[in-house]
Amino acid sequence: MADINDRTQNVSLHDEVNDKPVTTTDLGTKTLLDVNASSDPTQYVLESDYDATGDVVTSAADATLFSFSGAGVIDFVAITCATSSNWEAIIVVDGTEKFRSAMTNLGSVLGLTGGNGEPIWVQTANKQFRWSPQGNAGFTSGFAIKARAIGANVTLTHITLFRELQ
């Protein structure tokens, strides 16, 4: 086996599946390894969960609005309260809490009020939470969308769009 730090030795890469040397492309003074980077769009199936009737959420404990077990990618989450901004949105990915914030912190403190291309924002007097990941929002074992009231109970509706890995 060649030492990768010893530039005097040649290294040969072999495609064991097709039993032939790998292919390369010369680009100026560099030799690049050819890689098949295509992906199969059918490996993901679009899924959604929509609750228009609403879940009553208290301040006693986190309430699960939606959960999914499996692998995939989160595309969009929206949680809405018609009457109050006194609640927290919580996102749990692969069993680990990744996000928790009160709506007033997002809108009034951080100024994430939408319309500026943010991946996460609130709108309508901080009553509506929106998350549209712009990058990797993948999960391997599952995810959950949760919420908790701050003070009085609130009723929340939600929609979640995600792609399940087949």
N, C-alpha and C. Protein backbone atom coordinates (compact mmCIF):
# COMPACT_ATOMS: atom_id res chain seq x y z
N MET A 1 0.85 -1.17 0.00
CA MET A 1 0.00 0.00 0.00
C MET A 1 0.90 1.23 0.00
N ALA A 2 0.56 2.19 -0.80
CA ALA A 2 1.34 3.41 -0.91
C ALA A 2 1.05 4.34 0.26
N ASP A 3 2.09 5.03 0.71
CA ASP A 3 1.95 6.04 1.76
C ASP A 3 1.42 7.31 1.11
N ILE A 4 0.27 7.79 1.56
CA ILE A 4 -0.35 8.96 0.94
C ILE A 4 0.51 10.21 1.09
N ASN A 5 1.37 10.24 2.09
CA ASN A 5 2.24 11.39 2.30
C ASN A 5 3.54 11.32 1.50
N ASP A 6 3.83 10.16 0.90
CA ASP A 6 5.04 9.98 0.10
C ASP A 6 4.69 10.25 -1.36
N ARG A 7 5.03 11.44 -1.85
CA ARG A 7 4.64 11.86 -3.20
C ARG A 7 5.46 11.17 -4.29
N THR A 8 6.44 10.35 -3.91
CA THR A 8 7.26 9.68 -4.92
C THR A 8 6.61 8.40 -5.41
N GLN A 9 5.59 7.91 -4.72
CA GLN A 9 4.94 6.66 -5.10
C GLN A 9 3.64 6.95 -5.85
N ASN A 10 3.32 6.11 -6.80
CA ASN A 10 2.06 6.21 -7.52
C ASN A 10 0.99 5.44 -6.76
N VAL A 11 -0.23 5.94 -6.81
CA VAL A 11 -1.36 5.27 -6.18
C VAL A 11 -2.33 4.89 -7.29
N SER A 12 -2.79 3.65 -7.27
CA SER A 12 -3.73 3.18 -8.27
C SER A 12 -5.07 2.91 -7.59
N LEU A 13 -6.15 3.47 -8.18
CA LEU A 13 -7.49 3.21 -7.67
C LEU A 13 -8.18 2.26 -8.62
N HIS A 14 -8.90 1.29 -8.06
CA HIS A 14 -9.53 0.26 -8.87
C HIS A 14 -11.02 0.17 -8.54
N ASP A 15 -11.83 0.08 -9.58
CA ASP A 15 -13.28 -0.09 -9.44
C ASP A 15 -13.55 -1.59 -9.31
N GLU A 16 -13.77 -2.05 -8.08
CA GLU A 16 -13.93 -3.49 -7.84
C GLU A 16 -15.24 -4.02 -8.42
N VAL A 17 -16.28 -3.20 -8.47
CA VAL A 17 -17.57 -3.65 -8.99
C VAL A 17 -17.45 -4.00 -10.47
N ASN A 18 -16.80 -3.11 -11.24
CA ASN A 18 -16.67 -3.33 -12.69
C ASN A 18 -15.34 -3.94 -13.07
N ASP A 19 -14.50 -4.24 -12.09
CA ASP A 19 -13.19 -4.86 -12.28
C ASP A 19 -12.36 -4.15 -13.34
N LYS A 20 -12.17 -2.84 -13.13
CA LYS A 20 -11.35 -2.05 -14.04
C LYS A 20 -10.82 -0.84 -13.27
N PRO A 21 -9.78 -0.21 -13.78
CA PRO A 21 -9.28 1.01 -13.11
C PRO A 21 -10.34 2.11 -13.17
N VAL A 22 -10.35 2.96 -12.16
CA VAL A 22 -11.28 4.08 -12.18
C VAL A 22 -10.88 5.05 -13.27
N THR A 23 -11.83 5.87 -13.70
CA THR A 23 -11.54 6.83 -14.76
C THR A 23 -11.23 8.19 -14.15
N THR A 24 -10.41 8.94 -14.86
CA THR A 24 -10.02 10.27 -14.42
C THR A 24 -10.16 11.23 -15.58
N THR A 25 -10.16 12.52 -15.25
CA THR A 25 -10.21 13.58 -16.25
C THR A 25 -9.08 14.56 -15.95
N ASP A 26 -8.31 14.90 -16.97
CA ASP A 26 -7.25 15.89 -16.79
C ASP A 26 -7.82 17.28 -16.98
N LEU A 27 -7.53 18.15 -16.02
CA LEU A 27 -7.98 19.53 -16.07
C LEU A 27 -6.77 20.40 -15.77
N GLY A 28 -6.14 20.88 -16.84
CA GLY A 28 -4.91 21.66 -16.66
C GLY A 28 -3.82 20.77 -16.08
N THR A 29 -3.27 21.19 -14.96
CA THR A 29 -2.20 20.41 -14.32
C THR A 29 -2.75 19.40 -13.32
N LYS A 30 -4.06 19.33 -13.16
CA LYS A 30 -4.66 18.42 -12.18
C LYS A 30 -5.34 17.25 -12.86
N THR A 31 -5.28 16.10 -12.22
CA THR A 31 -6.02 14.93 -12.64
C THR A 31 -7.13 14.70 -11.63
N LEU A 32 -8.37 14.74 -12.13
CA LEU A 32 -9.52 14.62 -11.25
C LEU A 32 -10.13 13.23 -11.35
N LEU A 33 -10.57 12.71 -10.23
CA LEU A 33 -11.25 11.42 -10.18
C LEU A 33 -12.67 11.61 -10.67
N ASP A 34 -13.10 10.81 -11.64
CA ASP A 34 -14.47 10.88 -12.15
C ASP A 34 -15.40 10.22 -11.13
N VAL A 35 -16.46 10.96 -10.77
CA VAL A 35 -17.41 10.46 -9.79
C VAL A 35 -18.81 10.59 -10.37
N ASN A 36 -19.60 9.54 -10.23
CA ASN A 36 -20.99 9.59 -10.64
C ASN A 36 -21.78 10.20 -9.49
N ALA A 37 -22.12 11.47 -9.61
CA ALA A 37 -22.79 12.19 -8.53
C ALA A 37 -24.29 12.30 -8.75
N SER A 38 -24.82 11.50 -9.65
CA SER A 38 -26.26 11.58 -9.87
C SER A 38 -27.00 10.95 -8.70
N SER A 39 -28.19 11.42 -8.46
CA SER A 39 -29.01 10.84 -7.40
C SER A 39 -30.34 10.42 -7.97
N ASP A 40 -30.97 9.51 -7.31
CA ASP A 40 -32.25 8.99 -7.75
C ASP A 40 -33.36 9.75 -7.04
N PRO A 41 -34.10 10.62 -7.74
CA PRO A 41 -35.14 11.40 -7.07
C PRO A 41 -36.26 10.52 -6.51
N THR A 42 -36.36 9.29 -6.98
CA THR A 42 -37.41 8.41 -6.47
C THR A 42 -37.05 7.80 -5.12
N GLN A 43 -35.85 8.08 -4.63
CA GLN A 43 -35.47 7.52 -3.32
C GLN A 43 -36.22 8.22 -2.19
N TYR A 44 -36.83 9.39 -2.46
CA TYR A 44 -37.61 10.11 -1.47
C TYR A 44 -39.07 10.18 -1.89
N VAL A 45 -39.95 10.05 -0.92
CA VAL A 45 -41.39 10.19 -1.16
C VAL A 45 -41.88 11.36 -0.32
N LEU A 46 -42.54 12.32 -0.97
CA LEU A 46 -43.06 13.48 -0.26
C LEU A 46 -44.19 13.06 0.67
N GLU A 47 -44.09 13.48 1.92
CA GLU A 47 -45.10 13.20 2.94
C GLU A 47 -45.50 14.52 3.58
N SER A 48 -46.66 14.52 4.22
CA SER A 48 -47.10 15.73 4.92
C SER A 48 -47.99 15.37 6.09
N ASP A 49 -48.11 16.30 7.00
CA ASP A 49 -49.06 16.18 8.10
C ASP A 49 -49.70 17.55 8.26
N TYR A 50 -51.01 17.58 8.27
CA TYR A 50 -51.74 18.84 8.36
C TYR A 50 -52.82 18.70 9.42
N ASP A 51 -52.85 19.64 10.35
CA ASP A 51 -53.84 19.65 11.42
C ASP A 51 -54.49 21.02 11.46
N ALA A 52 -55.71 21.11 10.94
CA ALA A 52 -56.42 22.38 10.92
C ALA A 52 -57.34 22.55 12.12
N THR A 53 -57.59 21.48 12.86
CA THR A 53 -58.48 21.59 14.02
C THR A 53 -57.75 22.13 15.24
N GLY A 54 -56.48 21.86 15.35
CA GLY A 54 -55.68 22.43 16.42
C GLY A 54 -55.49 21.52 17.62
N ASP A 55 -54.37 21.70 18.28
CA ASP A 55 -54.02 21.00 19.51
C ASP A 55 -53.91 22.02 20.62
N VAL A 56 -54.54 21.74 21.76
CA VAL A 56 -54.40 22.62 22.92
C VAL A 56 -53.08 22.30 23.59
N VAL A 57 -52.26 23.32 23.78
CA VAL A 57 -50.93 23.18 24.36
C VAL A 57 -50.90 23.95 25.67
N THR A 58 -50.33 23.31 26.70
CA THR A 58 -50.25 23.94 28.02
C THR A 58 -48.81 24.30 28.35
N SER A 59 -48.62 24.96 29.48
CA SER A 59 -47.27 25.30 29.93
C SER A 59 -46.68 24.20 30.80
N ALA A 60 -47.45 23.14 31.07
CA ALA A 60 -47.00 22.09 31.97
C ALA A 60 -45.89 21.22 31.36
N ALA A 61 -45.95 20.98 30.06
CA ALA A 61 -44.96 20.11 29.41
C ALA A 61 -44.97 20.36 27.91
N ASP A 62 -43.91 19.94 27.23
CA ASP A 62 -43.87 20.01 25.78
C ASP A 62 -44.95 19.11 25.21
N ALA A 63 -45.68 19.59 24.22
CA ALA A 63 -46.71 18.80 23.55
C ALA A 63 -46.23 18.46 22.14
N THR A 64 -46.35 17.21 21.77
CA THR A 64 -45.95 16.77 20.43
C THR A 64 -47.09 17.05 19.46
N LEU A 65 -46.83 17.91 18.48
CA LEU A 65 -47.80 18.20 17.43
C LEU A 65 -47.74 17.17 16.32
N PHE A 66 -46.51 16.69 16.04
CA PHE A 66 -46.31 15.69 15.00
C PHE A 66 -44.98 15.00 15.24
N SER A 67 -44.93 13.70 14.98
CA SER A 67 -43.65 12.98 15.03
C SER A 67 -43.63 11.94 13.93
N PHE A 68 -42.43 11.61 13.49
CA PHE A 68 -42.23 10.64 12.43
C PHE A 68 -41.01 9.80 12.76
N SER A 69 -41.11 8.50 12.57
CA SER A 69 -39.98 7.59 12.75
C SER A 69 -39.53 7.09 11.40
N GLY A 70 -38.26 7.23 11.11
CA GLY A 70 -37.69 6.82 9.84
C GLY A 70 -36.62 7.81 9.44
N ALA A 71 -36.19 7.74 8.19
CA ALA A 71 -35.14 8.62 7.67
C ALA A 71 -35.72 9.49 6.57
N GLY A 72 -35.13 10.68 6.40
CA GLY A 72 -35.58 11.57 5.35
C GLY A 72 -35.06 12.98 5.52
N VAL A 73 -35.81 13.95 4.98
CA VAL A 73 -35.42 15.35 4.98
C VAL A 73 -36.65 16.20 5.29
N ILE A 74 -36.50 17.15 6.22
CA ILE A 74 -37.58 18.08 6.54
C ILE A 74 -37.54 19.22 5.52
N ASP A 75 -38.71 19.55 4.93
CA ASP A 75 -38.77 20.61 3.93
C ASP A 75 -39.43 21.88 4.44
N PHE A 76 -40.47 21.75 5.28
CA PHE A 76 -41.19 22.95 5.71
C PHE A 76 -42.01 22.63 6.96
N VAL A 77 -42.03 23.57 7.89
CA VAL A 77 -42.85 23.46 9.10
C VAL A 77 -43.55 24.80 9.31
N ALA A 78 -44.84 24.76 9.57
CA ALA A 78 -45.60 25.96 9.92
C ALA A 78 -46.46 25.62 11.13
N ILE A 79 -46.41 26.49 12.14
CA ILE A 79 -47.26 26.35 13.32
C ILE A 79 -47.92 27.71 13.53
N THR A 80 -49.22 27.68 13.76
CA THR A 80 -49.97 28.93 13.88
C THR A 80 -50.87 28.91 15.10
N CYS A 81 -50.91 30.06 15.79
CA CYS A 81 -51.85 30.28 16.88
C CYS A 81 -52.65 31.53 16.50
N ALA A 82 -53.97 31.42 16.52
CA ALA A 82 -54.80 32.54 16.10
C ALA A 82 -54.86 33.66 17.13
N THR A 83 -54.55 33.36 18.39
CA THR A 83 -54.82 34.34 19.45
C THR A 83 -53.62 34.84 20.23
N SER A 84 -52.46 34.17 20.15
CA SER A 84 -51.37 34.53 21.04
C SER A 84 -50.00 34.23 20.45
N SER A 85 -49.01 34.98 20.90
CA SER A 85 -47.62 34.68 20.56
C SER A 85 -46.87 34.13 21.77
N ASN A 86 -47.59 33.79 22.81
CA ASN A 86 -46.97 33.30 24.05
C ASN A 86 -46.82 31.79 24.04
N TRP A 87 -45.95 31.32 23.17
CA TRP A 87 -45.66 29.89 23.08
C TRP A 87 -44.30 29.68 22.44
N GLU A 88 -43.76 28.48 22.63
CA GLU A 88 -42.46 28.10 22.09
C GLU A 88 -42.64 27.04 21.01
N ALA A 89 -41.84 27.13 19.97
CA ALA A 89 -41.74 26.08 18.96
C ALA A 89 -40.50 25.26 19.30
N ILE A 90 -40.61 23.94 19.14
CA ILE A 90 -39.52 23.02 19.49
C ILE A 90 -39.36 22.03 18.35
N ILE A 91 -38.13 21.83 17.90
CA ILE A 91 -37.84 20.85 16.86
C ILE A 91 -36.85 19.84 17.41
N VAL A 92 -37.21 18.57 17.34
CA VAL A 92 -36.37 17.47 17.82
C VAL A 92 -36.00 16.61 16.62
N VAL A 93 -34.69 16.41 16.41
CA VAL A 93 -34.22 15.61 15.28
C VAL A 93 -33.37 14.47 15.82
N ASP A 94 -33.69 13.25 15.41
CA ASP A 94 -32.97 12.06 15.84
C ASP A 94 -32.83 12.00 17.36
N GLY A 95 -33.90 12.36 18.06
CA GLY A 95 -33.94 12.26 19.51
C GLY A 95 -33.28 13.40 20.26
N THR A 96 -32.74 14.39 19.56
CA THR A 96 -32.04 15.51 20.19
C THR A 96 -32.76 16.81 19.88
N GLU A 97 -33.03 17.59 20.91
CA GLU A 97 -33.66 18.90 20.69
C GLU A 97 -32.67 19.80 19.97
N LYS A 98 -33.07 20.27 18.79
CA LYS A 98 -32.20 21.12 17.97
C LYS A 98 -32.62 22.58 18.00
N PHE A 99 -33.89 22.83 18.32
CA PHE A 99 -34.38 24.21 18.29
C PHE A 99 -35.48 24.37 19.32
N ARG A 100 -35.42 25.50 20.06
CA ARG A 100 -36.50 25.89 20.98
C ARG A 100 -36.43 27.40 21.09
N SER A 101 -37.55 28.05 20.80
CA SER A 101 -37.59 29.50 20.94
C SER A 101 -39.02 29.96 21.12
N ALA A 102 -39.16 30.99 21.96
CA ALA A 102 -40.44 31.68 22.09
C ALA A 102 -40.65 32.54 20.86
N MET A 103 -41.89 32.67 20.45
CA MET A 103 -42.20 33.44 19.25
C MET A 103 -41.80 34.91 19.40
N THR A 104 -41.95 35.48 20.58
CA THR A 104 -41.57 36.88 20.76
C THR A 104 -40.06 37.06 20.63
N ASN A 105 -39.27 36.06 21.01
CA ASN A 105 -37.81 36.15 20.83
C ASN A 105 -37.45 36.20 19.35
N LEU A 106 -38.10 35.37 18.55
CA LEU A 106 -37.79 35.36 17.11
C LEU A 106 -38.20 36.65 16.44
N GLY A 107 -39.40 37.13 16.73
CA GLY A 107 -39.91 38.31 16.03
C GLY A 107 -39.43 39.62 16.61
N SER A 108 -39.67 39.84 17.89
CA SER A 108 -39.37 41.14 18.49
C SER A 108 -37.90 41.31 18.84
N VAL A 109 -37.26 40.27 19.37
CA VAL A 109 -35.87 40.38 19.80
C VAL A 109 -34.90 40.22 18.63
N LEU A 110 -35.09 39.16 17.84
CA LEU A 110 -34.15 38.89 16.75
C LEU A 110 -34.56 39.53 15.43
N GLY A 111 -35.79 39.97 15.30
CA GLY A 111 -36.24 40.63 14.08
C GLY A 111 -36.48 39.70 12.91
N LEU A 112 -36.69 38.41 13.18
CA LEU A 112 -36.94 37.45 12.10
C LEU A 112 -38.43 37.44 11.78
N THR A 113 -38.84 38.42 11.01
CA THR A 113 -40.26 38.60 10.73
C THR A 113 -40.63 38.30 9.28
N GLY A 114 -39.83 37.55 8.59
CA GLY A 114 -40.15 37.12 7.24
C GLY A 114 -39.90 38.17 6.18
N GLY A 115 -39.95 37.73 4.96
CA GLY A 115 -39.79 38.64 3.83
C GLY A 115 -38.35 38.99 3.51
N ASN A 116 -37.40 38.50 4.28
CA ASN A 116 -36.00 38.82 4.04
C ASN A 116 -35.18 37.60 3.66
N GLY A 117 -35.84 36.53 3.31
CA GLY A 117 -35.14 35.32 2.89
C GLY A 117 -34.61 34.48 4.03
N GLU A 118 -35.06 34.74 5.27
CA GLU A 118 -34.60 33.92 6.39
C GLU A 118 -35.19 32.52 6.27
N PRO A 119 -34.45 31.51 6.72
CA PRO A 119 -35.01 30.16 6.70
C PRO A 119 -36.00 29.92 7.84
N ILE A 120 -35.99 30.81 8.84
CA ILE A 120 -36.90 30.67 9.97
C ILE A 120 -37.43 32.06 10.31
N TRP A 121 -38.75 32.15 10.54
CA TRP A 121 -39.31 33.47 10.81
C TRP A 121 -40.68 33.33 11.47
N VAL A 122 -41.17 34.46 11.97
CA VAL A 122 -42.53 34.56 12.50
C VAL A 122 -43.24 35.69 11.77
N GLN A 123 -44.56 35.65 11.82
CA GLN A 123 -45.33 36.71 11.16
C GLN A 123 -46.66 36.88 11.88
N THR A 124 -47.43 37.88 11.48
CA THR A 124 -48.73 38.22 12.07
C THR A 124 -48.60 38.36 13.58
N ALA A 125 -47.91 39.41 14.02
CA ALA A 125 -47.72 39.72 15.44
C ALA A 125 -47.10 38.54 16.20
N ASN A 126 -46.16 37.87 15.56
CA ASN A 126 -45.40 36.77 16.17
C ASN A 126 -46.27 35.56 16.52
N LYS A 127 -47.41 35.39 15.88
CA LYS A 127 -48.30 34.27 16.18
C LYS A 127 -48.07 33.08 15.25
N GLN A 128 -47.39 33.30 14.14
CA GLN A 128 -47.19 32.24 13.16
C GLN A 128 -45.71 31.94 12.99
N PHE A 129 -45.34 30.70 13.21
CA PHE A 129 -43.96 30.23 13.09
C PHE A 129 -43.80 29.53 11.75
N ARG A 130 -42.70 29.86 11.04
CA ARG A 130 -42.40 29.22 9.76
C ARG A 130 -40.93 28.81 9.74
N TRP A 131 -40.67 27.58 9.25
CA TRP A 131 -39.29 27.12 9.08
C TRP A 131 -39.19 26.44 7.73
N SER A 132 -38.35 26.97 6.87
CA SER A 132 -38.10 26.41 5.56
C SER A 132 -36.59 26.21 5.43
N PRO A 133 -36.09 25.05 5.83
CA PRO A 133 -34.65 24.82 5.83
C PRO A 133 -34.02 25.07 4.46
N GLN A 134 -32.92 25.77 4.47
CA GLN A 134 -32.19 26.05 3.23
C GLN A 134 -30.87 25.31 3.30
N GLY A 135 -30.94 24.02 3.22
CA GLY A 135 -29.74 23.20 3.34
C GLY A 135 -30.10 21.85 3.92
N ASN A 136 -29.19 21.30 4.67
CA ASN A 136 -29.37 19.95 5.18
C ASN A 136 -30.25 19.94 6.42
N ALA A 137 -31.44 19.40 6.30
CA ALA A 137 -32.32 19.20 7.44
C ALA A 137 -32.72 17.73 7.48
N GLY A 138 -31.72 16.88 7.28
CA GLY A 138 -31.96 15.45 7.23
C GLY A 138 -32.08 14.83 8.61
N PHE A 139 -32.72 13.67 8.65
CA PHE A 139 -32.83 12.91 9.89
C PHE A 139 -32.68 11.44 9.54
N THR A 140 -32.12 10.67 10.49
CA THR A 140 -31.87 9.25 10.24
C THR A 140 -32.80 8.33 11.01
N SER A 141 -33.31 8.78 12.15
CA SER A 141 -34.20 7.91 12.93
C SER A 141 -35.57 8.54 13.18
N GLY A 142 -35.72 9.84 12.93
CA GLY A 142 -37.01 10.48 13.09
C GLY A 142 -36.91 11.92 13.53
N PHE A 143 -38.06 12.58 13.58
CA PHE A 143 -38.10 13.96 14.05
C PHE A 143 -39.46 14.21 14.67
N ALA A 144 -39.53 15.27 15.47
CA ALA A 144 -40.78 15.66 16.11
C ALA A 144 -40.90 17.17 16.11
N ILE A 145 -42.13 17.64 15.92
CA ILE A 145 -42.45 19.05 16.03
C ILE A 145 -43.27 19.19 17.32
N LYS A 146 -42.76 20.00 18.23
CA LYS A 146 -43.41 20.16 19.54
C LYS A 146 -43.66 21.63 19.82
N ALA A 147 -44.42 21.88 20.87
CA ALA A 147 -44.69 23.25 21.30
C ALA A 147 -45.00 23.25 22.79
N ARG A 148 -44.90 24.42 23.38
CA ARG A 148 -45.21 24.61 24.79
C ARG A 148 -45.75 26.02 24.99
N ALA A 149 -46.82 26.14 25.74
CA ALA A 149 -47.39 27.46 26.04
C ALA A 149 -46.53 28.16 27.07
N ILE A 150 -46.53 29.48 27.00
CA ILE A 150 -45.89 30.31 28.02
C ILE A 150 -47.03 31.03 28.73
N GLY A 151 -47.43 30.49 29.86
CA GLY A 151 -48.58 31.06 30.56
C GLY A 151 -49.85 30.32 30.20
N ALA A 152 -50.85 31.05 29.70
CA ALA A 152 -52.16 30.47 29.39
C ALA A 152 -52.07 29.47 28.24
N ASN A 153 -53.00 28.52 28.23
CA ASN A 153 -53.07 27.53 27.16
C ASN A 153 -53.27 28.21 25.80
N VAL A 154 -52.73 27.58 24.76
CA VAL A 154 -52.92 28.06 23.39
C VAL A 154 -53.35 26.89 22.52
N THR A 155 -54.04 27.19 21.45
CA THR A 155 -54.42 26.17 20.47
C THR A 155 -53.62 26.42 19.21
N LEU A 156 -52.91 25.38 18.77
CA LEU A 156 -52.00 25.50 17.63
C LEU A 156 -52.42 24.57 16.50
N THR A 157 -52.36 25.09 15.28
CA THR A 157 -52.52 24.27 14.08
C THR A 157 -51.15 24.18 13.43
N HIS A 158 -50.97 23.19 12.58
CA HIS A 158 -49.64 23.04 11.96
C HIS A 158 -49.73 22.29 10.63
N ILE A 159 -48.67 22.46 9.85
CA ILE A 159 -48.44 21.66 8.65
C ILE A 159 -46.95 21.36 8.59
N THR A 160 -46.64 20.14 8.23
CA THR A 160 -45.26 19.71 8.10
C THR A 160 -45.11 18.99 6.77
N LEU A 161 -44.12 19.40 5.99
CA LEU A 161 -43.79 18.72 4.73
C LEU A 161 -42.40 18.12 4.88
N PHE A 162 -42.26 16.86 4.49
CA PHE A 162 -40.96 16.21 4.57
C PHE A 162 -40.88 15.13 3.50
N ARG A 163 -39.66 14.72 3.20
CA ARG A 163 -39.44 13.64 2.25
C ARG A 163 -38.92 12.43 3.01
N GLU A 164 -39.62 11.31 2.87
CA GLU A 164 -39.21 10.07 3.53
C GLU A 164 -38.27 9.31 2.62
N LEU A 165 -37.15 8.84 3.16
CA LEU A 165 -36.20 8.04 2.40
C LEU A 165 -36.75 6.64 2.24
N GLN A 166 -36.84 6.18 0.99
CA GLN A 166 -37.35 4.83 0.71
C GLN A 166 -36.24 3.81 0.71
